[in-house]
Amino acid sequence: MKTGKVKFFNEAKGFGFIIQDDDNQEIFVHQTGLIHEIRENDQVSFDVIEGKKGLNAVKVERI
């Protein structure tokens, strides 16, 4: 599992971005990949998978 911080999450549209702690890369997150609700600046742990348009965060949990 990777860790990071939620940069942005739009609840109405159901997506956002997480900044990974290890390399500051932005990872797309969709509400279907959430275990817990998330908000901007939450610390989270997650797995990364290859999506249609790049990397996606899945199994996202607040820590």
PDB file of N, CA and C in Angstrom:
ATOM      1  N   MET A   1       0.850  -1.195   0.000  1.00  0.00           N
ATOM      2  CA  MET A   1       0.000   0.000   0.000  1.00  0.00           C
ATOM      3  C   MET A   1       0.881   1.238   0.000  1.00  0.00           C
ATOM      4  N   LYS A   2       0.444   2.225  -0.721  1.00  0.00           N
ATOM      5  CA  LYS A   2       1.135   3.507  -0.753  1.00  0.00           C
ATOM      6  C   LYS A   2       0.400   4.466   0.174  1.00  0.00           C
ATOM      7  N   THR A   3       1.040   5.574   0.486  1.00  0.00           N
ATOM      8  CA  THR A   3       0.406   6.603   1.299  1.00  0.00           C
ATOM      9  C   THR A   3       0.509   7.938   0.581  1.00  0.00           C
ATOM     10  N   GLY A   4      -0.377   8.849   0.959  1.00  0.00           N
ATOM     11  CA  GLY A   4      -0.361  10.165   0.340  1.00  0.00           C
ATOM     12  C   GLY A   4      -1.368  11.084   0.991  1.00  0.00           C
ATOM     13  N   LYS A   5      -1.556  12.235   0.349  1.00  0.00           N
ATOM     14  CA  LYS A   5      -2.452  13.270   0.864  1.00  0.00           C
ATOM     15  C   LYS A   5      -3.417  13.663  -0.250  1.00  0.00           C
ATOM     16  N   VAL A   6      -4.687  13.812   0.099  1.00  0.00           N
ATOM     17  CA  VAL A   6      -5.693  14.192  -0.892  1.00  0.00           C
ATOM     18  C   VAL A   6      -5.460  15.653  -1.276  1.00  0.00           C
ATOM     19  N   LYS A   7      -5.164  15.871  -2.560  1.00  0.00           N
ATOM     20  CA  LYS A   7      -4.949  17.233  -3.066  1.00  0.00           C
ATOM     21  C   LYS A   7      -6.291  17.909  -3.327  1.00  0.00           C
ATOM     22  N   PHE A   8      -7.231  17.132  -3.869  1.00  0.00           N
ATOM     23  CA  PHE A   8      -8.508  17.668  -4.312  1.00  0.00           C
ATOM     24  C   PHE A   8      -9.489  16.514  -4.420  1.00  0.00           C
ATOM     25  N   PHE A   9     -10.728  16.709  -3.983  1.00  0.00           N
ATOM     26  CA  PHE A   9     -11.771  15.714  -4.225  1.00  0.00           C
ATOM     27  C   PHE A   9     -13.101  16.429  -4.367  1.00  0.00           C
ATOM     28  N   ASN A  10     -13.760  16.233  -5.512  1.00  0.00           N
ATOM     29  CA  ASN A  10     -15.049  16.843  -5.794  1.00  0.00           C
ATOM     30  C   ASN A  10     -16.129  15.805  -5.500  1.00  0.00           C
ATOM     31  N   GLU A  11     -16.839  15.978  -4.389  1.00  0.00           N
ATOM     32  CA  GLU A  11     -17.864  14.999  -3.993  1.00  0.00           C
ATOM     33  C   GLU A  11     -18.997  14.939  -5.009  1.00  0.00           C
ATOM     34  N   ALA A  12     -19.375  16.077  -5.588  1.00  0.00           N
ATOM     35  CA  ALA A  12     -20.483  16.106  -6.539  1.00  0.00           C
ATOM     36  C   ALA A  12     -20.160  15.305  -7.800  1.00  0.00           C
ATOM     37  N   LYS A  13     -18.924  15.402  -8.268  1.00  0.00           N
ATOM     38  CA  LYS A  13     -18.521  14.684  -9.482  1.00  0.00           C
ATOM     39  C   LYS A  13     -17.901  13.324  -9.179  1.00  0.00           C
ATOM     40  N   GLY A  14     -17.490  13.104  -7.931  1.00  0.00           N
ATOM     41  CA  GLY A  14     -17.020  11.792  -7.518  1.00  0.00           C
ATOM     42  C   GLY A  14     -15.593  11.437  -7.901  1.00  0.00           C
ATOM     43  N   PHE A  15     -14.740  12.442  -8.044  1.00  0.00           N
ATOM     44  CA  PHE A  15     -13.343  12.146  -8.355  1.00  0.00           C
ATOM     45  C   PHE A  15     -12.420  13.212  -7.783  1.00  0.00           C
ATOM     46  N   GLY A  16     -11.121  12.906  -7.788  1.00  0.00           N
ATOM     47  CA  GLY A  16     -10.123  13.854  -7.319  1.00  0.00           C
ATOM     48  C   GLY A  16      -8.730  13.320  -7.561  1.00  0.00           C
ATOM     49  N   PHE A  17      -7.768  13.875  -6.811  1.00  0.00           N
ATOM     50  CA  PHE A  17      -6.372  13.485  -6.970  1.00  0.00           C
ATOM     51  C   PHE A  17      -5.697  13.358  -5.614  1.00  0.00           C
ATOM     52  N   ILE A  18      -4.773  12.403  -5.533  1.00  0.00           N
ATOM     53  CA  ILE A  18      -3.963  12.162  -4.341  1.00  0.00           C
ATOM     54  C   ILE A  18      -2.506  12.391  -4.731  1.00  0.00           C
ATOM     55  N   ILE A  19      -1.737  13.065  -3.862  1.00  0.00           N
ATOM     56  CA  ILE A  19      -0.300  13.230  -4.065  1.00  0.00           C
ATOM     57  C   ILE A  19       0.407  12.138  -3.265  1.00  0.00           C
ATOM     58  N   GLN A  20       1.153  11.266  -3.954  1.00  0.00           N
ATOM     59  CA  GLN A  20       1.885  10.191  -3.276  1.00  0.00           C
ATOM     60  C   GLN A  20       2.984  10.771  -2.403  1.00  0.00           C
ATOM     61  N   ASP A  21       3.185  10.183  -1.220  1.00  0.00           N
ATOM     62  CA  ASP A  21       4.234  10.642  -0.312  1.00  0.00           C
ATOM     63  C   ASP A  21       5.638  10.370  -0.855  1.00  0.00           C
ATOM     64  N   ASP A  22       5.829   9.222  -1.503  1.00  0.00           N
ATOM     65  CA  ASP A  22       7.196   8.834  -1.877  1.00  0.00           C
ATOM     66  C   ASP A  22       7.780   9.607  -3.058  1.00  0.00           C
ATOM     67  N   ASP A  23       6.940  10.023  -4.036  1.00  0.00           N
ATOM     68  CA  ASP A  23       7.493  10.712  -5.210  1.00  0.00           C
ATOM     69  C   ASP A  23       6.695  11.940  -5.659  1.00  0.00           C
ATOM     70  N   ASN A  24       5.710  12.356  -4.868  1.00  0.00           N
ATOM     71  CA  ASN A  24       4.877  13.526  -5.164  1.00  0.00           C
ATOM     72  C   ASN A  24       4.110  13.425  -6.484  1.00  0.00           C
ATOM     73  N   GLN A  25       3.932  12.203  -6.985  1.00  0.00           N
ATOM     74  CA  GLN A  25       3.163  12.004  -8.211  1.00  0.00           C
ATOM     75  C   GLN A  25       1.676  12.141  -7.909  1.00  0.00           C
ATOM     76  N   GLU A  26       0.922  12.760  -8.842  1.00  0.00           N
ATOM     77  CA  GLU A  26      -0.526  12.874  -8.696  1.00  0.00           C
ATOM     78  C   GLU A  26      -1.174  11.609  -9.224  1.00  0.00           C
ATOM     79  N   ILE A  27      -2.068  11.036  -8.422  1.00  0.00           N
ATOM     80  CA  ILE A  27      -2.790   9.825  -8.799  1.00  0.00           C
ATOM     81  C   ILE A  27      -4.284  10.142  -8.803  1.00  0.00           C
ATOM     82  N   PHE A  28      -4.959   9.783  -9.887  1.00  0.00           N
ATOM     83  CA  PHE A  28      -6.403   9.979 -10.012  1.00  0.00           C
ATOM     84  C   PHE A  28      -7.132   9.051  -9.047  1.00  0.00           C
ATOM     85  N   VAL A  29      -8.197   9.546  -8.426  1.00  0.00           N
ATOM     86  CA  VAL A  29      -9.037   8.701  -7.568  1.00  0.00           C
ATOM     87  C   VAL A  29     -10.503   8.940  -7.918  1.00  0.00           C
ATOM     88  N   HIS A  30     -11.242   7.840  -8.090  1.00  0.00           N
ATOM     89  CA  HIS A  30     -12.677   7.906  -8.361  1.00  0.00           C
ATOM     90  C   HIS A  30     -13.414   7.352  -7.148  1.00  0.00           C
ATOM     91  N   GLN A  31     -14.622   7.826  -6.920  1.00  0.00           N
ATOM     92  CA  GLN A  31     -15.386   7.404  -5.736  1.00  0.00           C
ATOM     93  C   GLN A  31     -15.579   5.893  -5.677  1.00  0.00           C
ATOM     94  N   THR A  32     -15.542   5.201  -6.797  1.00  0.00           N
ATOM     95  CA  THR A  32     -15.692   3.742  -6.786  1.00  0.00           C
ATOM     96  C   THR A  32     -14.479   3.052  -6.154  1.00  0.00           C
ATOM     97  N   GLY A  33     -13.350   3.772  -6.010  1.00  0.00           N
ATOM     98  CA  GLY A  33     -12.150   3.212  -5.409  1.00  0.00           C
ATOM     99  C   GLY A  33     -12.003   3.514  -3.925  1.00  0.00           C
ATOM    100  N   LEU A  34     -13.021   4.143  -3.339  1.00  0.00           N
ATOM    101  CA  LEU A  34     -12.945   4.557  -1.936  1.00  0.00           C
ATOM    102  C   LEU A  34     -13.484   3.500  -0.989  1.00  0.00           C
ATOM    103  N   ILE A  35     -12.794   3.311   0.126  1.00  0.00           N
ATOM    104  CA  ILE A  35     -13.311   2.517   1.241  1.00  0.00           C
ATOM    105  C   ILE A  35     -13.936   3.469   2.260  1.00  0.00           C
ATOM    106  N   HIS A  36     -13.259   4.594   2.524  1.00  0.00           N
ATOM    107  CA  HIS A  36     -13.780   5.652   3.395  1.00  0.00           C
ATOM    108  C   HIS A  36     -14.034   6.901   2.558  1.00  0.00           C
ATOM    109  N   GLU A  37     -14.931   7.768   3.040  1.00  0.00           N
ATOM    110  CA  GLU A  37     -15.087   9.079   2.413  1.00  0.00           C
ATOM    111  C   GLU A  37     -13.801   9.864   2.636  1.00  0.00           C
ATOM    112  N   ILE A  38     -13.415  10.659   1.654  1.00  0.00           N
ATOM    113  CA  ILE A  38     -12.198  11.467   1.780  1.00  0.00           C
ATOM    114  C   ILE A  38     -12.496  12.931   1.495  1.00  0.00           C
ATOM    115  N   ARG A  39     -11.633  13.770   2.043  1.00  0.00           N
ATOM    116  CA  ARG A  39     -11.712  15.221   1.821  1.00  0.00           C
ATOM    117  C   ARG A  39     -10.319  15.747   1.552  1.00  0.00           C
ATOM    118  N   GLU A  40     -10.259  16.961   1.049  1.00  0.00           N
ATOM    119  CA  GLU A  40      -8.981  17.627   0.803  1.00  0.00           C
ATOM    120  C   GLU A  40      -8.116  17.604   2.061  1.00  0.00           C
ATOM    121  N   ASN A  41      -6.833  17.319   1.900  1.00  0.00           N
ATOM    122  CA  ASN A  41      -5.811  17.267   2.950  1.00  0.00           C
ATOM    123  C   ASN A  41      -5.859  16.028   3.847  1.00  0.00           C
ATOM    124  N   ASP A  42      -6.787  15.083   3.606  1.00  0.00           N
ATOM    125  CA  ASP A  42      -6.781  13.829   4.370  1.00  0.00           C
ATOM    126  C   ASP A  42      -5.530  13.028   4.029  1.00  0.00           C
ATOM    127  N   GLN A  43      -4.932  12.378   5.031  1.00  0.00           N
ATOM    128  CA  GLN A  43      -3.853  11.414   4.804  1.00  0.00           C
ATOM    129  C   GLN A  43      -4.527  10.083   4.493  1.00  0.00           C
ATOM    130  N   VAL A  44      -4.069   9.422   3.440  1.00  0.00           N
ATOM    131  CA  VAL A  44      -4.717   8.188   2.997  1.00  0.00           C
ATOM    132  C   VAL A  44      -3.687   7.117   2.648  1.00  0.00           C
ATOM    133  N   SER A  45      -4.139   5.867   2.676  1.00  0.00           N
ATOM    134  CA  SER A  45      -3.362   4.762   2.133  1.00  0.00           C
ATOM    135  C   SER A  45      -4.174   4.193   0.974  1.00  0.00           C
ATOM    136  N   PHE A  46      -3.485   3.614  -0.015  1.00  0.00           N
ATOM    137  CA  PHE A  46      -4.182   3.167  -1.224  1.00  0.00           C
ATOM    138  C   PHE A  46      -3.283   2.240  -2.038  1.00  0.00           C
ATOM    139  N   ASP A  47      -3.909   1.506  -2.951  1.00  0.00           N
ATOM    140  CA  ASP A  47      -3.202   0.730  -3.958  1.00  0.00           C
ATOM    141  C   ASP A  47      -3.304   1.487  -5.270  1.00  0.00           C
ATOM    142  N   VAL A  48      -2.392   1.198  -6.196  1.00  0.00           N
ATOM    143  CA  VAL A  48      -2.385   1.854  -7.501  1.00  0.00           C
ATOM    144  C   VAL A  48      -2.576   0.807  -8.591  1.00  0.00           C
ATOM    145  N   ILE A  49      -3.489   1.095  -9.518  1.00  0.00           N
ATOM    146  CA  ILE A  49      -3.689   0.232 -10.678  1.00  0.00           C
ATOM    147  C   ILE A  49      -3.590   1.074 -11.945  1.00  0.00           C
ATOM    148  N   GLU A  50      -3.344   0.424 -13.062  1.00  0.00           N
ATOM    149  CA  GLU A  50      -3.307   1.111 -14.353  1.00  0.00           C
ATOM    150  C   GLU A  50      -4.743   1.233 -14.856  1.00  0.00           C
ATOM    151  N   GLY A  51      -5.176   2.482 -15.083  1.00  0.00           N
ATOM    152  CA  GLY A  51      -6.520   2.727 -15.599  1.00  0.00           C
ATOM    153  C   GLY A  51      -6.474   3.038 -17.078  1.00  0.00           C
ATOM    154  N   LYS A  52      -7.610   3.410 -17.652  1.00  0.00           N
ATOM    155  CA  LYS A  52      -7.685   3.724 -19.086  1.00  0.00           C
ATOM    156  C   LYS A  52      -6.820   4.919 -19.462  1.00  0.00           C
ATOM    157  N   LYS A  53      -6.720   5.892 -18.546  1.00  0.00           N
ATOM    158  CA  LYS A  53      -5.986   7.131 -18.848  1.00  0.00           C
ATOM    159  C   LYS A  53      -4.778   7.345 -17.951  1.00  0.00           C
ATOM    160  N   GLY A  54      -4.306   6.289 -17.304  1.00  0.00           N
ATOM    161  CA  GLY A  54      -3.154   6.428 -16.416  1.00  0.00           C
ATOM    162  C   GLY A  54      -3.389   5.713 -15.105  1.00  0.00           C
ATOM    163  N   LEU A  55      -2.620   6.114 -14.082  1.00  0.00           N
ATOM    164  CA  LEU A  55      -2.697   5.445 -12.787  1.00  0.00           C
ATOM    165  C   LEU A  55      -3.924   5.888 -11.997  1.00  0.00           C
ATOM    166  N   ASN A  56      -4.554   4.913 -11.323  1.00  0.00           N
ATOM    167  CA  ASN A  56      -5.722   5.177 -10.473  1.00  0.00           C
ATOM    168  C   ASN A  56      -5.473   4.645  -9.073  1.00  0.00           C
ATOM    169  N   ALA A  57      -5.915   5.404  -8.075  1.00  0.00           N
ATOM    170  CA  ALA A  57      -5.856   4.937  -6.683  1.00  0.00           C
ATOM    171  C   ALA A  57      -7.114   4.128  -6.388  1.00  0.00           C
ATOM    172  N   VAL A  58      -6.929   2.961  -5.751  1.00  0.00           N
ATOM    173  CA  VAL A  58      -8.070   2.124  -5.351  1.00  0.00           C
ATOM    174  C   VAL A  58      -7.856   1.669  -3.906  1.00  0.00           C
ATOM    175  N   LYS A  59      -8.906   1.152  -3.289  1.00  0.00           N
ATOM    176  CA  LYS A  59      -8.850   0.725  -1.881  1.00  0.00           C
ATOM    177  C   LYS A  59      -8.336   1.865  -0.997  1.00  0.00           C
ATOM    178  N   VAL A  60      -8.884   3.066  -1.236  1.00  0.00           N
ATOM    179  CA  VAL A  60      -8.427   4.282  -0.546  1.00  0.00           C
ATOM    180  C   VAL A  60      -9.063   4.364   0.840  1.00  0.00           C
ATOM    181  N   GLU A  61      -8.192   4.455   1.865  1.00  0.00           N
ATOM    182  CA  GLU A  61      -8.638   4.554   3.254  1.00  0.00           C
ATOM    183  C   GLU A  61      -7.958   5.743   3.935  1.00  0.00           C
ATOM    184  N   ARG A  62      -8.714   6.446   4.794  1.00  0.00           N
ATOM    185  CA  ARG A  62      -8.102   7.498   5.631  1.00  0.00           C
ATOM    186  C   ARG A  62      -7.221   6.842   6.663  1.00  0.00           C
ATOM    187  N   ILE A  63      -6.103   7.489   6.988  1.00  0.00           N
ATOM    188  CA  ILE A  63      -5.215   6.970   8.041  1.00  0.00           C
ATOM    189  C   ILE A  63      -4.965   8.052   9.081  1.00  0.00           C
TER     190      ILE A  63
END
